């Protein structure tokens, strides 16, 4: 298989891992706040999401840092996509840091 095709598939898999992680985080926050035991939701979700993502990165990387870097790029891009999809209508997020409006 062509190396470019392999890296493209790894990038897509990294994006899928990011969608699982950040989509699962969004789902957990929505469910956790209305639950009588939110700590159980947040901790259980964290363990499950981290297990899936770390296992996925281990499988995708296979000792090759190029693959791992491309998977991480897909993971980070998925963060921005999930953020845009879950943003309430009429509200936009600005990713730059804003200055404080008061003196230190």
PDB file of N, CA and C in Angstrom:
ATOM      1  N   UNK A   1       0.846  -1.179   0.000  1.00  0.00           N
ATOM      2  CA  UNK A   1       0.000   0.000   0.000  1.00  0.00           C
ATOM      3  C   UNK A   1       0.889   1.239   0.000  1.00  0.00           C
ATOM      4  N   UNK A   2       0.467   2.235  -0.708  1.00  0.00           N
ATOM      5  CA  UNK A   2       1.178   3.496  -0.829  1.00  0.00           C
ATOM      6  C   UNK A   2       1.265   4.185   0.542  1.00  0.00           C
ATOM      7  N   UNK A   3       2.402   4.804   0.835  1.00  0.00           N
ATOM      8  CA  UNK A   3       2.597   5.460   2.137  1.00  0.00           C
ATOM      9  C   UNK A   3       1.634   6.625   2.331  1.00  0.00           C
ATOM     10  N   UNK A   4       1.330   7.350   1.262  1.00  0.00           N
ATOM     11  CA  UNK A   4       0.387   8.463   1.366  1.00  0.00           C
ATOM     12  C   UNK A   4      -1.005   7.961   1.719  1.00  0.00           C
ATOM     13  N   UNK A   5      -1.401   6.855   1.144  1.00  0.00           N
ATOM     14  CA  UNK A   5      -2.697   6.268   1.462  1.00  0.00           C
ATOM     15  C   UNK A   5      -2.742   5.797   2.911  1.00  0.00           C
ATOM     16  N   UNK A   6      -1.647   5.210   3.375  1.00  0.00           N
ATOM     17  CA  UNK A   6      -1.577   4.776   4.777  1.00  0.00           C
ATOM     18  C   UNK A   6      -1.721   5.962   5.727  1.00  0.00           C
ATOM     19  N   UNK A   7      -1.006   7.046   5.440  1.00  0.00           N
ATOM     20  CA  UNK A   7      -1.077   8.222   6.306  1.00  0.00           C
ATOM     21  C   UNK A   7      -2.459   8.877   6.247  1.00  0.00           C
ATOM     22  N   UNK A   8      -3.106   8.832   5.092  1.00  0.00           N
ATOM     23  CA  UNK A   8      -4.460   9.374   4.980  1.00  0.00           C
ATOM     24  C   UNK A   8      -5.431   8.564   5.831  1.00  0.00           C
ATOM     25  N   UNK A   9      -5.300   7.243   5.798  1.00  0.00           N
ATOM     26  CA  UNK A   9      -6.161   6.390   6.620  1.00  0.00           C
ATOM     27  C   UNK A   9      -5.889   6.594   8.106  1.00  0.00           C
ATOM     28  N   UNK A  10      -4.635   6.789   8.468  1.00  0.00           N
ATOM     29  CA  UNK A  10      -4.294   7.060   9.865  1.00  0.00           C
ATOM     30  C   UNK A  10      -4.860   8.410  10.288  1.00  0.00           C
ATOM     31  N   UNK A  11      -4.794   9.394   9.403  1.00  0.00           N
ATOM     32  CA  UNK A  11      -5.364  10.713   9.703  1.00  0.00           C
ATOM     33  C   UNK A  11      -6.869  10.624   9.927  1.00  0.00           C
ATOM     34  N   UNK A  12      -7.560   9.861   9.078  1.00  0.00           N
ATOM     35  CA  UNK A  12      -9.002   9.674   9.245  1.00  0.00           C
ATOM     36  C   UNK A  12      -9.317   8.924  10.533  1.00  0.00           C
ATOM     37  N   UNK A  13      -8.513   7.921  10.858  1.00  0.00           N
ATOM     38  CA  UNK A  13      -8.722   7.179  12.102  1.00  0.00           C
ATOM     39  C   UNK A  13      -8.469   8.074  13.312  1.00  0.00           C
ATOM     40  N   UNK A  14      -7.470   8.942  13.244  1.00  0.00           N
ATOM     41  CA  UNK A  14      -7.230   9.908  14.316  1.00  0.00           C
ATOM     42  C   UNK A  14      -8.401  10.858  14.470  1.00  0.00           C
ATOM     43  N   UNK A  15      -8.987  11.260  13.350  1.00  0.00           N
ATOM     44  CA  UNK A  15     -10.182  12.098  13.398  1.00  0.00           C
ATOM     45  C   UNK A  15     -11.359  11.368  14.025  1.00  0.00           C
ATOM     46  N   UNK A  16     -11.485  10.083  13.723  1.00  0.00           N
ATOM     47  CA  UNK A  16     -12.555   9.295  14.331  1.00  0.00           C
ATOM     48  C   UNK A  16     -12.339   9.164  15.838  1.00  0.00           C
ATOM     49  N   UNK A  17     -11.094   8.981  16.254  1.00  0.00           N
ATOM     50  CA  UNK A  17     -10.802   8.935  17.689  1.00  0.00           C
ATOM     51  C   UNK A  17     -11.137  10.266  18.354  1.00  0.00           C
ATOM     52  N   UNK A  18     -10.814  11.365  17.682  1.00  0.00           N
ATOM     53  CA  UNK A  18     -11.151  12.682  18.219  1.00  0.00           C
ATOM     54  C   UNK A  18     -12.656  12.892  18.309  1.00  0.00           C
ATOM     55  N   UNK A  19     -13.385  12.417  17.301  1.00  0.00           N
ATOM     56  CA  UNK A  19     -14.842  12.540  17.331  1.00  0.00           C
ATOM     57  C   UNK A  19     -15.430  11.719  18.476  1.00  0.00           C
ATOM     58  N   UNK A  20     -14.880  10.535  18.701  1.00  0.00           N
ATOM     59  CA  UNK A  20     -15.344   9.707  19.817  1.00  0.00           C
ATOM     60  C   UNK A  20     -15.034  10.390  21.137  1.00  0.00           C
ATOM     61  N   UNK A  21     -13.818  10.918  21.269  1.00  0.00           N
ATOM     62  CA  UNK A  21     -13.411  11.530  22.537  1.00  0.00           C
ATOM     63  C   UNK A  21     -14.216  12.791  22.835  1.00  0.00           C
ATOM     64  N   UNK A  22     -14.223  13.733  21.905  1.00  0.00           N
ATOM     65  CA  UNK A  22     -14.874  15.013  22.166  1.00  0.00           C
ATOM     66  C   UNK A  22     -16.391  14.924  22.050  1.00  0.00           C
ATOM     67  N   UNK A  23     -16.900  14.078  21.179  1.00  0.00           N
ATOM     68  CA  UNK A  23     -18.336  13.845  21.141  1.00  0.00           C
ATOM     69  C   UNK A  23     -18.811  13.166  22.414  1.00  0.00           C
ATOM     70  N   UNK A  24     -18.008  12.223  22.911  1.00  0.00           N
ATOM     71  CA  UNK A  24     -18.337  11.582  24.183  1.00  0.00           C
ATOM     72  C   UNK A  24     -18.274  12.551  25.347  1.00  0.00           C
ATOM     73  N   UNK A  25     -17.342  13.484  25.306  1.00  0.00           N
ATOM     74  CA  UNK A  25     -17.259  14.506  26.347  1.00  0.00           C
ATOM     75  C   UNK A  25     -18.503  15.393  26.329  1.00  0.00           C
ATOM     76  N   UNK A  26     -18.928  15.812  25.150  1.00  0.00           N
ATOM     77  CA  UNK A  26     -20.132  16.631  25.027  1.00  0.00           C
ATOM     78  C   UNK A  26     -21.347  15.874  25.555  1.00  0.00           C
ATOM     79  N   UNK A  27     -21.468  14.600  25.180  1.00  0.00           N
ATOM     80  CA  UNK A  27     -22.592  13.787  25.627  1.00  0.00           C
ATOM     81  C   UNK A  27     -22.558  13.614  27.150  1.00  0.00           C
ATOM     82  N   UNK A  28     -21.363  13.410  27.707  1.00  0.00           N
ATOM     83  CA  UNK A  28     -21.220  13.235  29.151  1.00  0.00           C
ATOM     84  C   UNK A  28     -21.617  14.496  29.910  1.00  0.00           C
ATOM     85  N   UNK A  29     -21.210  15.640  29.416  1.00  0.00           N
ATOM     86  CA  UNK A  29     -21.564  16.895  30.087  1.00  0.00           C
ATOM     87  C   UNK A  29     -23.077  17.086  30.082  1.00  0.00           C
ATOM     88  N   UNK A  30     -23.722  16.793  28.976  1.00  0.00           N
ATOM     89  CA  UNK A  30     -25.175  16.944  28.903  1.00  0.00           C
ATOM     90  C   UNK A  30     -25.880  15.966  29.834  1.00  0.00           C
ATOM     91  N   UNK A  31     -25.401  14.734  29.914  1.00  0.00           N
ATOM     92  CA  UNK A  31     -26.026  13.740  30.787  1.00  0.00           C
ATOM     93  C   UNK A  31     -25.619  13.912  32.246  1.00  0.00           C
ATOM     94  N   UNK A  32     -24.379  14.304  32.469  1.00  0.00           N
ATOM     95  CA  UNK A  32     -23.850  14.376  33.829  1.00  0.00           C
ATOM     96  C   UNK A  32     -24.490  15.440  34.691  1.00  0.00           C
ATOM     97  N   UNK A  33     -24.827  16.575  34.107  1.00  0.00           N
ATOM     98  CA  UNK A  33     -25.404  17.652  34.898  1.00  0.00           C
ATOM     99  C   UNK A  33     -26.825  17.360  35.350  1.00  0.00           C
ATOM    100  N   UNK A  34     -27.522  16.496  34.629  1.00  0.00           N
ATOM    101  CA  UNK A  34     -28.887  16.167  35.033  1.00  0.00           C
ATOM    102  C   UNK A  34     -28.965  14.867  35.826  1.00  0.00           C
ATOM    103  N   UNK A  35     -27.823  14.273  36.104  1.00  0.00           N
ATOM    104  CA  UNK A  35     -27.786  12.996  36.813  1.00  0.00           C
ATOM    105  C   UNK A  35     -27.698  13.212  38.322  1.00  0.00           C
ATOM    106  N   UNK A  36     -28.251  12.288  39.117  1.00  0.00           N
ATOM    107  CA  UNK A  36     -28.088  12.405  40.570  1.00  0.00           C
ATOM    108  C   UNK A  36     -26.658  12.089  41.023  1.00  0.00           C
ATOM    109  N   UNK A  37     -25.875  11.407  40.171  1.00  0.00           N
ATOM    110  CA  UNK A  37     -24.478  11.085  40.487  1.00  0.00           C
ATOM    111  C   UNK A  37     -23.568  11.556  39.346  1.00  0.00           C
ATOM    112  N   UNK A  38     -23.326  12.835  39.242  1.00  0.00           N
ATOM    113  CA  UNK A  38     -22.516  13.328  38.116  1.00  0.00           C
ATOM    114  C   UNK A  38     -21.063  12.870  38.177  1.00  0.00           C
ATOM    115  N   UNK A  39     -20.510  12.685  39.370  1.00  0.00           N
ATOM    116  CA  UNK A  39     -19.106  12.264  39.462  1.00  0.00           C
ATOM    117  C   UNK A  39     -18.903  10.897  38.824  1.00  0.00           C
ATOM    118  N   UNK A  40     -19.865  10.017  38.982  1.00  0.00           N
ATOM    119  CA  UNK A  40     -19.772   8.696  38.368  1.00  0.00           C
ATOM    120  C   UNK A  40     -19.794   8.798  36.848  1.00  0.00           C
ATOM    121  N   UNK A  41     -20.650   9.662  36.313  1.00  0.00           N
ATOM    122  CA  UNK A  41     -20.700   9.867  34.871  1.00  0.00           C
ATOM    123  C   UNK A  41     -19.373  10.405  34.337  1.00  0.00           C
ATOM    124  N   UNK A  42     -18.865  11.460  34.990  1.00  0.00           N
ATOM    125  CA  UNK A  42     -17.648  12.097  34.487  1.00  0.00           C
ATOM    126  C   UNK A  42     -16.429  11.188  34.614  1.00  0.00           C
ATOM    127  N   UNK A  43     -16.290  10.516  35.736  1.00  0.00           N
ATOM    128  CA  UNK A  43     -15.130   9.647  35.927  1.00  0.00           C
ATOM    129  C   UNK A  43     -15.206   8.413  35.030  1.00  0.00           C
ATOM    130  N   UNK A  44     -16.385   7.815  34.944  1.00  0.00           N
ATOM    131  CA  UNK A  44     -16.539   6.641  34.082  1.00  0.00           C
ATOM    132  C   UNK A  44     -16.317   6.979  32.622  1.00  0.00           C
ATOM    133  N   UNK A  45     -16.843   8.120  32.204  1.00  0.00           N
ATOM    134  CA  UNK A  45     -16.662   8.552  30.825  1.00  0.00           C
ATOM    135  C   UNK A  45     -15.192   8.846  30.528  1.00  0.00           C
ATOM    136  N   UNK A  46     -14.521   9.481  31.483  1.00  0.00           N
ATOM    137  CA  UNK A  46     -13.096   9.777  31.292  1.00  0.00           C
ATOM    138  C   UNK A  46     -12.296   8.494  31.107  1.00  0.00           C
ATOM    139  N   UNK A  47     -12.538   7.510  31.956  1.00  0.00           N
ATOM    140  CA  UNK A  47     -11.805   6.247  31.832  1.00  0.00           C
ATOM    141  C   UNK A  47     -12.096   5.562  30.499  1.00  0.00           C
ATOM    142  N   UNK A  48     -13.351   5.534  30.098  1.00  0.00           N
ATOM    143  CA  UNK A  48     -13.715   4.882  28.843  1.00  0.00           C
ATOM    144  C   UNK A  48     -13.127   5.621  27.643  1.00  0.00           C
ATOM    145  N   UNK A  49     -13.290   6.953  27.607  1.00  0.00           N
ATOM    146  CA  UNK A  49     -12.773   7.723  26.474  1.00  0.00           C
ATOM    147  C   UNK A  49     -11.255   7.655  26.384  1.00  0.00           C
ATOM    148  N   UNK A  50     -10.575   7.772  27.533  1.00  0.00           N
ATOM    149  CA  UNK A  50      -9.105   7.704  27.515  1.00  0.00           C
ATOM    150  C   UNK A  50      -8.614   6.320  27.107  1.00  0.00           C
ATOM    151  N   UNK A  51      -9.302   5.283  27.566  1.00  0.00           N
ATOM    152  CA  UNK A  51      -8.922   3.922  27.175  1.00  0.00           C
ATOM    153  C   UNK A  51      -9.045   3.710  25.677  1.00  0.00           C
ATOM    154  N   UNK A  52     -10.156   4.176  25.102  1.00  0.00           N
ATOM    155  CA  UNK A  52     -10.356   4.027  23.661  1.00  0.00           C
ATOM    156  C   UNK A  52      -9.307   4.809  22.884  1.00  0.00           C
ATOM    157  N   UNK A  53      -9.063   6.060  23.284  1.00  0.00           N
ATOM    158  CA  UNK A  53      -8.129   6.914  22.538  1.00  0.00           C
ATOM    159  C   UNK A  53      -6.684   6.432  22.677  1.00  0.00           C
ATOM    160  N   UNK A  54      -6.277   6.088  23.877  1.00  0.00           N
ATOM    161  CA  UNK A  54      -4.900   5.612  24.053  1.00  0.00           C
ATOM    162  C   UNK A  54      -4.669   4.290  23.332  1.00  0.00           C
ATOM    163  N   UNK A  55      -5.642   3.397  23.404  1.00  0.00           N
ATOM    164  CA  UNK A  55      -5.529   2.139  22.660  1.00  0.00           C
ATOM    165  C   UNK A  55      -5.491   2.377  21.163  1.00  0.00           C
ATOM    166  N   UNK A  56      -6.316   3.317  20.694  1.00  0.00           N
ATOM    167  CA  UNK A  56      -6.322   3.647  19.270  1.00  0.00           C
ATOM    168  C   UNK A  56      -5.010   4.257  18.805  1.00  0.00           C
ATOM    169  N   UNK A  57      -4.454   5.180  19.592  1.00  0.00           N
ATOM    170  CA  UNK A  57      -3.161   5.767  19.228  1.00  0.00           C
ATOM    171  C   UNK A  57      -2.048   4.717  19.252  1.00  0.00           C
ATOM    172  N   UNK A  58      -2.098   3.824  20.204  1.00  0.00           N
ATOM    173  CA  UNK A  58      -1.091   2.759  20.269  1.00  0.00           C
ATOM    174  C   UNK A  58      -1.173   1.885  19.023  1.00  0.00           C
ATOM    175  N   UNK A  59      -2.394   1.538  18.629  1.00  0.00           N
ATOM    176  CA  UNK A  59      -2.587   0.714  17.443  1.00  0.00           C
ATOM    177  C   UNK A  59      -2.187   1.461  16.169  1.00  0.00           C
ATOM    178  N   UNK A  60      -2.564   2.742  16.074  1.00  0.00           N
ATOM    179  CA  UNK A  60      -2.259   3.508  14.865  1.00  0.00           C
ATOM    180  C   UNK A  60      -0.779   3.843  14.745  1.00  0.00           C
ATOM    181  N   UNK A  61      -0.123   4.130  15.879  1.00  0.00           N
ATOM    182  CA  UNK A  61       1.272   4.537  15.836  1.00  0.00           C
ATOM    183  C   UNK A  61       2.208   3.419  15.439  1.00  0.00           C
ATOM    184  N   UNK A  62       2.055   2.272  16.039  1.00  0.00           N
ATOM    185  CA  UNK A  62       2.880   1.094  15.765  1.00  0.00           C
ATOM    186  C   UNK A  62       4.370   1.405  15.725  1.00  0.00           C
ATOM    187  N   UNK A  63       4.812   2.243  16.648  1.00  0.00           N
ATOM    188  CA  UNK A  63       6.239   2.549  16.745  1.00  0.00           C
ATOM    189  C   UNK A  63       6.748   3.534  15.711  1.00  0.00           C
ATOM    190  N   UNK A  64       5.883   4.139  14.950  1.00  0.00           N
ATOM    191  CA  UNK A  64       6.281   5.079  13.907  1.00  0.00           C
ATOM    192  C   UNK A  64       5.771   6.464  14.288  1.00  0.00           C
ATOM    193  N   UNK A  65       6.666   7.388  14.527  1.00  0.00           N
ATOM    194  CA  UNK A  65       6.251   8.699  15.011  1.00  0.00           C
ATOM    195  C   UNK A  65       5.520   9.499  13.936  1.00  0.00           C
ATOM    196  N   UNK A  66       5.770   9.217  12.662  1.00  0.00           N
ATOM    197  CA  UNK A  66       5.052   9.917  11.601  1.00  0.00           C
ATOM    198  C   UNK A  66       3.556   9.598  11.667  1.00  0.00           C
ATOM    199  N   UNK A  67       3.249   8.326  11.818  1.00  0.00           N
ATOM    200  CA  UNK A  67       1.843   7.920  11.920  1.00  0.00           C
ATOM    201  C   UNK A  67       1.191   8.515  13.156  1.00  0.00           C
ATOM    202  N   UNK A  68       1.923   8.519  14.244  1.00  0.00           N
ATOM    203  CA  UNK A  68       1.385   9.061  15.488  1.00  0.00           C
ATOM    204  C   UNK A  68       1.108  10.558  15.362  1.00  0.00           C
ATOM    205  N   UNK A  69       1.993  11.292  14.697  1.00  0.00           N
ATOM    206  CA  UNK A  69       1.804  12.729  14.506  1.00  0.00           C
ATOM    207  C   UNK A  69       0.601  13.005  13.600  1.00  0.00           C
ATOM    208  N   UNK A  70       0.428  12.206  12.563  1.00  0.00           N
ATOM    209  CA  UNK A  70      -0.699  12.395  11.649  1.00  0.00           C
ATOM    210  C   UNK A  70      -2.008  12.053  12.362  1.00  0.00           C
ATOM    211  N   UNK A  71      -2.010  11.012  13.186  1.00  0.00           N
ATOM    212  CA  UNK A  71      -3.205  10.661  13.954  1.00  0.00           C
ATOM    213  C   UNK A  71      -3.552  11.774  14.938  1.00  0.00           C
ATOM    214  N   UNK A  72      -2.546  12.357  15.562  1.00  0.00           N
ATOM    215  CA  UNK A  72      -2.783  13.461  16.486  1.00  0.00           C
ATOM    216  C   UNK A  72      -3.342  14.679  15.753  1.00  0.00           C
ATOM    217  N   UNK A  73      -2.884  14.934  14.546  1.00  0.00           N
ATOM    218  CA  UNK A  73      -3.421  16.035  13.745  1.00  0.00           C
ATOM    219  C   UNK A  73      -4.905  15.805  13.457  1.00  0.00           C
ATOM    220  N   UNK A  74      -5.276  14.592  13.085  1.00  0.00           N
ATOM    221  CA  UNK A  74      -6.680  14.279  12.864  1.00  0.00           C
ATOM    222  C   UNK A  74      -7.498  14.420  14.134  1.00  0.00           C
ATOM    223  N   UNK A  75      -6.913  14.043  15.271  1.00  0.00           N
ATOM    224  CA  UNK A  75      -7.580  14.163  16.569  1.00  0.00           C
ATOM    225  C   UNK A  75      -7.879  15.630  16.893  1.00  0.00           C
ATOM    226  N   UNK A  76      -6.903  16.507  16.674  1.00  0.00           N
ATOM    227  CA  UNK A  76      -7.068  17.929  16.974  1.00  0.00           C
ATOM    228  C   UNK A  76      -8.068  18.581  16.017  1.00  0.00           C
ATOM    229  N   UNK A  77      -8.040  18.201  14.758  1.00  0.00           N
ATOM    230  CA  UNK A  77      -9.006  18.740  13.797  1.00  0.00           C
ATOM    231  C   UNK A  77     -10.419  18.321  14.181  1.00  0.00           C
ATOM    232  N   UNK A  78     -10.567  17.099  14.656  1.00  0.00           N
ATOM    233  CA  UNK A  78     -11.890  16.627  15.090  1.00  0.00           C
ATOM    234  C   UNK A  78     -12.400  17.449  16.266  1.00  0.00           C
ATOM    235  N   UNK A  79     -11.507  17.939  17.105  1.00  0.00           N
ATOM    236  CA  UNK A  79     -11.923  18.793  18.223  1.00  0.00           C
ATOM    237  C   UNK A  79     -12.634  20.036  17.718  1.00  0.00           C
ATOM    238  N   UNK A  80     -12.052  20.687  16.714  1.00  0.00           N
ATOM    239  CA  UNK A  80     -12.661  21.896  16.168  1.00  0.00           C
ATOM    240  C   UNK A  80     -13.984  21.583  15.462  1.00  0.00           C
ATOM    241  N   UNK A  81     -14.065  20.450  14.793  1.00  0.00           N
ATOM    242  CA  UNK A  81     -15.301  20.081  14.110  1.00  0.00           C
ATOM    243  C   UNK A  81     -16.408  19.809  15.122  1.00  0.00           C
ATOM    244  N   UNK A  82     -16.106  19.051  16.173  1.00  0.00           N
ATOM    245  CA  UNK A  82     -17.109  18.767  17.204  1.00  0.00           C
ATOM    246  C   UNK A  82     -17.524  20.061  17.898  1.00  0.00           C
ATOM    247  N   UNK A  83     -16.578  20.946  18.140  1.00  0.00           N
ATOM    248  CA  UNK A  83     -16.908  22.221  18.768  1.00  0.00           C
ATOM    249  C   UNK A  83     -17.865  23.026  17.899  1.00  0.00           C
ATOM    250  N   UNK A  84     -17.632  23.055  16.610  1.00  0.00           N
ATOM    251  CA  UNK A  84     -18.522  23.785  15.701  1.00  0.00           C
ATOM    252  C   UNK A  84     -19.907  23.126  15.630  1.00  0.00           C
ATOM    253  N   UNK A  85     -19.958  21.806  15.630  1.00  0.00           N
ATOM    254  CA  UNK A  85     -21.231  21.109  15.515  1.00  0.00           C
ATOM    255  C   UNK A  85     -22.075  21.210  16.783  1.00  0.00           C
ATOM    256  N   UNK A  86     -21.432  21.322  17.935  1.00  0.00           N
ATOM    257  CA  UNK A  86     -22.166  21.352  19.199  1.00  0.00           C
ATOM    258  C   UNK A  86     -22.373  22.756  19.738  1.00  0.00           C
ATOM    259  N   UNK A  87     -21.912  23.755  19.013  1.00  0.00           N
ATOM    260  CA  UNK A  87     -22.081  25.149  19.434  1.00  0.00           C
ATOM    261  C   UNK A  87     -23.546  25.548  19.309  1.00  0.00           C
ATOM    262  N   UNK A  88     -24.096  26.220  20.323  1.00  0.00           N
ATOM    263  CA  UNK A  88     -25.493  26.669  20.213  1.00  0.00           C
ATOM    264  C   UNK A  88     -25.671  27.631  19.044  1.00  0.00           C
ATOM    265  N   UNK A  89     -26.842  27.628  18.414  1.00  0.00           N
ATOM    266  CA  UNK A  89     -27.065  28.530  17.279  1.00  0.00           C
ATOM    267  C   UNK A  89     -26.938  29.993  17.692  1.00  0.00           C
ATOM    268  N   UNK A  90     -26.327  30.793  16.844  1.00  0.00           N
ATOM    269  CA  UNK A  90     -26.168  32.206  17.122  1.00  0.00           C
ATOM    270  C   UNK A  90     -24.963  32.543  17.973  1.00  0.00           C
ATOM    271  N   UNK A  91     -24.211  31.543  18.402  1.00  0.00           N
ATOM    272  CA  UNK A  91     -23.039  31.797  19.235  1.00  0.00           C
ATOM    273  C   UNK A  91     -21.798  31.296  18.506  1.00  0.00           C
ATOM    274  N   UNK A  92     -20.764  32.100  18.509  1.00  0.00           N
ATOM    275  CA  UNK A  92     -19.514  31.692  17.886  1.00  0.00           C
ATOM    276  C   UNK A  92     -18.427  31.669  18.943  1.00  0.00           C
ATOM    277  N   UNK A  93     -17.461  30.805  18.732  1.00  0.00           N
ATOM    278  CA  UNK A  93     -16.331  30.708  19.644  1.00  0.00           C
ATOM    279  C   UNK A  93     -15.120  31.357  19.001  1.00  0.00           C
ATOM    280  N   UNK A  94     -14.423  32.152  19.792  1.00  0.00           N
ATOM    281  CA  UNK A  94     -13.177  32.758  19.342  1.00  0.00           C
ATOM    282  C   UNK A  94     -12.059  32.059  20.086  1.00  0.00           C
ATOM    283  N   UNK A  95     -11.085  31.553  19.355  1.00  0.00           N
ATOM    284  CA  UNK A  95     -10.049  30.749  19.945  1.00  0.00           C
ATOM    285  C   UNK A  95      -8.860  31.560  20.446  1.00  0.00           C
ATOM    286  N   UNK A  96      -8.839  32.845  20.151  1.00  0.00           N
ATOM    287  CA  UNK A  96      -7.736  33.657  20.652  1.00  0.00           C
ATOM    288  C   UNK A  96      -8.025  34.073  22.093  1.00  0.00           C
ATOM    289  N   UNK A  97      -6.971  34.307  22.829  1.00  0.00           N
ATOM    290  CA  UNK A  97      -7.103  34.681  24.229  1.00  0.00           C
ATOM    291  C   UNK A  97      -7.451  36.163  24.330  1.00  0.00           C
ATOM    292  N   UNK A  98      -8.420  36.495  25.180  1.00  0.00           N
ATOM    293  CA  UNK A  98      -8.815  37.876  25.361  1.00  0.00           C
ATOM    294  C   UNK A  98      -8.059  38.474  26.543  1.00  0.00           C
ATOM    295  N   UNK A  99      -7.786  39.759  26.431  1.00  0.00           N
ATOM    296  CA  UNK A  99      -7.085  40.450  27.509  1.00  0.00           C
ATOM    297  C   UNK A  99      -8.049  40.741  28.653  1.00  0.00           C
ATOM    298  N   UNK A 100      -7.492  40.801  29.857  1.00  0.00           N
ATOM    299  CA  UNK A 100      -8.309  41.148  31.030  1.00  0.00           C
ATOM    300  C   UNK A 100      -8.694  42.610  30.955  1.00  0.00           C
ATOM    301  N   UNK A 101      -9.902  42.922  31.439  1.00  0.00           N
ATOM    302  CA  UNK A 101     -10.369  44.302  31.393  1.00  0.00           C
ATOM    303  C   UNK A 101     -10.083  45.069  32.679  1.00  0.00           C
ATOM    304  N   UNK A 102      -9.272  44.497  33.538  1.00  0.00           N
ATOM    305  CA  UNK A 102      -8.933  45.160  34.798  1.00  0.00           C
ATOM    306  C   UNK A 102      -7.436  45.094  35.040  1.00  0.00           C
ATOM    307  N   UNK A 103      -6.977  45.911  35.952  1.00  0.00           N
ATOM    308  CA  UNK A 103      -5.550  45.920  36.267  1.00  0.00           C
ATOM    309  C   UNK A 103      -5.217  44.718  37.149  1.00  0.00           C
ATOM    310  N   UNK A 104      -3.973  44.212  37.075  1.00  0.00           N
ATOM    311  CA  UNK A 104      -3.605  43.041  37.891  1.00  0.00           C
ATOM    312  C   UNK A 104      -3.537  43.311  39.369  1.00  0.00           C
TER     313      UNK A 104
END
